[in-house]
Amino acid sequence: MTDPHERPGHGPADPDGYLVEQVPDGYRWTCRADGRTAGPFPSREEAVSAAEADQTA
């Protein structure tokens, strides 16, 4: 079975108000409201978790 994270459109969803995207050295998140960014993170899951943590901070 294929890992769902390897198929486009499958995997962890972006937290509300954040964009999680792949960059040359990993993944990063961008806050849509103010343009803040963080990363790179080694995996998409870690970028999503960091965005969720930022969301509640």
N, C-alpha and C. Protein backbone atom coordinates (compact mmCIF):
# COMPACT_ATOMS: atom_id res chain seq x y z
N MET A 1 0.85 -1.19 0.00
CA MET A 1 0.00 0.00 0.00
C MET A 1 0.89 1.25 0.00
N THR A 2 0.48 2.26 -0.71
CA THR A 2 1.23 3.51 -0.81
C THR A 2 0.99 4.35 0.43
N ASP A 3 2.03 4.97 0.93
CA ASP A 3 1.91 5.90 2.06
C ASP A 3 1.02 7.07 1.62
N PRO A 4 -0.04 7.38 2.37
CA PRO A 4 -0.95 8.46 1.94
C PRO A 4 -0.26 9.81 1.83
N HIS A 5 0.86 10.00 2.53
CA HIS A 5 1.58 11.27 2.46
C HIS A 5 2.34 11.42 1.15
N GLU A 6 2.49 10.34 0.41
CA GLU A 6 3.19 10.39 -0.86
C GLU A 6 2.26 10.73 -2.02
N ARG A 7 0.95 10.70 -1.78
CA ARG A 7 -0.01 11.00 -2.83
C ARG A 7 -0.46 12.44 -2.72
N PRO A 8 -0.44 13.19 -3.80
CA PRO A 8 -0.89 14.59 -3.74
C PRO A 8 -2.32 14.67 -3.24
N GLY A 9 -2.56 15.65 -2.38
CA GLY A 9 -3.91 15.84 -1.86
C GLY A 9 -4.22 15.01 -0.65
N HIS A 10 -3.27 14.20 -0.19
CA HIS A 10 -3.49 13.36 0.98
C HIS A 10 -2.42 13.67 2.01
N GLY A 11 -2.78 13.50 3.26
CA GLY A 11 -1.83 13.78 4.32
C GLY A 11 -2.40 14.83 5.25
N PRO A 12 -1.58 15.34 6.14
CA PRO A 12 -2.11 16.29 7.12
C PRO A 12 -2.58 17.58 6.47
N ALA A 13 -3.72 18.05 6.90
CA ALA A 13 -4.27 19.29 6.35
C ALA A 13 -3.56 20.49 6.96
N ASP A 14 -3.50 21.56 6.21
CA ASP A 14 -2.93 22.81 6.74
C ASP A 14 -3.84 23.32 7.85
N PRO A 15 -3.25 23.77 8.95
CA PRO A 15 -4.08 24.37 10.01
C PRO A 15 -4.78 25.62 9.47
N ASP A 16 -5.94 25.94 10.04
CA ASP A 16 -6.68 27.13 9.59
C ASP A 16 -5.80 28.36 9.67
N GLY A 17 -5.74 29.11 8.58
CA GLY A 17 -4.99 30.35 8.56
C GLY A 17 -3.51 30.20 8.24
N TYR A 18 -3.08 28.98 7.93
CA TYR A 18 -1.68 28.73 7.64
C TYR A 18 -1.53 28.01 6.31
N LEU A 19 -0.42 28.25 5.66
CA LEU A 19 -0.06 27.54 4.44
C LEU A 19 1.20 26.74 4.76
N VAL A 20 1.16 25.44 4.52
CA VAL A 20 2.33 24.58 4.71
C VAL A 20 2.78 24.17 3.32
N GLU A 21 4.04 24.43 3.01
CA GLU A 21 4.53 24.13 1.67
C GLU A 21 5.93 23.54 1.71
N GLN A 22 6.23 22.78 0.66
CA GLN A 22 7.56 22.20 0.52
C GLN A 22 8.50 23.25 -0.07
N VAL A 23 9.68 23.35 0.52
CA VAL A 23 10.72 24.25 0.04
C VAL A 23 11.97 23.41 -0.19
N PRO A 24 12.99 23.96 -0.86
CA PRO A 24 14.16 23.13 -1.21
C PRO A 24 14.81 22.40 -0.03
N ASP A 25 14.76 22.99 1.17
CA ASP A 25 15.43 22.34 2.29
C ASP A 25 14.47 21.75 3.31
N GLY A 26 13.23 21.48 2.93
CA GLY A 26 12.26 20.84 3.83
C GLY A 26 10.87 21.40 3.63
N TYR A 27 10.23 21.75 4.73
CA TYR A 27 8.87 22.31 4.71
C TYR A 27 8.84 23.55 5.58
N ARG A 28 7.95 24.47 5.26
CA ARG A 28 7.78 25.65 6.10
C ARG A 28 6.30 25.99 6.16
N TRP A 29 5.95 26.75 7.19
CA TRP A 29 4.59 27.27 7.25
C TRP A 29 4.62 28.78 7.14
N THR A 30 3.53 29.33 6.63
CA THR A 30 3.34 30.77 6.51
C THR A 30 1.99 31.10 7.12
N CYS A 31 1.97 32.09 8.01
CA CYS A 31 0.72 32.58 8.59
C CYS A 31 0.07 33.49 7.56
N ARG A 32 -1.12 33.15 7.13
CA ARG A 32 -1.79 33.94 6.09
C ARG A 32 -2.16 35.34 6.57
N ALA A 33 -2.40 35.52 7.87
CA ALA A 33 -2.85 36.82 8.39
C ALA A 33 -1.76 37.87 8.36
N ASP A 34 -0.52 37.48 8.70
CA ASP A 34 0.54 38.49 8.82
C ASP A 34 1.82 38.16 8.08
N GLY A 35 1.85 37.02 7.38
CA GLY A 35 3.01 36.69 6.56
C GLY A 35 4.19 36.10 7.30
N ARG A 36 4.05 35.86 8.63
CA ARG A 36 5.15 35.23 9.35
C ARG A 36 5.40 33.85 8.80
N THR A 37 6.67 33.42 8.83
CA THR A 37 7.02 32.09 8.38
C THR A 37 7.91 31.42 9.41
N ALA A 38 7.97 30.10 9.36
CA ALA A 38 8.89 29.34 10.20
C ALA A 38 9.32 28.11 9.41
N GLY A 39 10.52 27.68 9.68
CA GLY A 39 11.04 26.51 9.01
C GLY A 39 12.47 26.78 8.58
N PRO A 40 13.10 25.89 7.94
CA PRO A 40 12.52 24.65 7.43
C PRO A 40 12.40 23.57 8.49
N PHE A 41 11.43 22.71 8.29
CA PHE A 41 11.22 21.53 9.12
C PHE A 41 11.53 20.32 8.25
N PRO A 42 12.04 19.24 8.85
CA PRO A 42 12.42 18.08 8.05
C PRO A 42 11.24 17.32 7.43
N SER A 43 10.04 17.46 8.01
CA SER A 43 8.88 16.76 7.44
C SER A 43 7.66 17.68 7.45
N ARG A 44 6.70 17.33 6.62
CA ARG A 44 5.46 18.11 6.56
C ARG A 44 4.72 18.02 7.88
N GLU A 45 4.73 16.84 8.49
CA GLU A 45 4.04 16.64 9.76
C GLU A 45 4.59 17.57 10.83
N GLU A 46 5.91 17.74 10.85
CA GLU A 46 6.51 18.64 11.85
C GLU A 46 6.14 20.09 11.57
N ALA A 47 6.07 20.48 10.31
CA ALA A 47 5.66 21.83 9.96
C ALA A 47 4.22 22.08 10.38
N VAL A 48 3.35 21.11 10.16
CA VAL A 48 1.94 21.23 10.56
C VAL A 48 1.85 21.36 12.08
N SER A 49 2.60 20.52 12.80
CA SER A 49 2.57 20.58 14.27
C SER A 49 3.05 21.93 14.77
N ALA A 50 4.11 22.46 14.16
CA ALA A 50 4.64 23.76 14.57
C ALA A 50 3.64 24.88 14.28
N ALA A 51 2.95 24.80 13.15
CA ALA A 51 1.93 25.80 12.82
C ALA A 51 0.78 25.73 13.82
N GLU A 52 0.37 24.52 14.18
CA GLU A 52 -0.71 24.37 15.15
C GLU A 52 -0.29 24.94 16.51
N ALA A 53 0.98 24.73 16.89
CA ALA A 53 1.48 25.28 18.15
C ALA A 53 1.50 26.81 18.10
N ASP A 54 1.88 27.37 16.96
CA ASP A 54 1.91 28.81 16.79
C ASP A 54 0.49 29.37 16.86
N GLN A 55 -0.43 28.63 16.32
CA GLN A 55 -1.84 29.05 16.29
C GLN A 55 -2.40 29.24 17.70
N THR A 56 -1.95 28.42 18.63
CA THR A 56 -2.48 28.48 19.99
C THR A 56 -1.61 29.34 20.91
N ALA A 57 -0.49 29.83 20.39
CA ALA A 57 0.41 30.64 21.24
C ALA A 57 -0.10 32.05 21.42
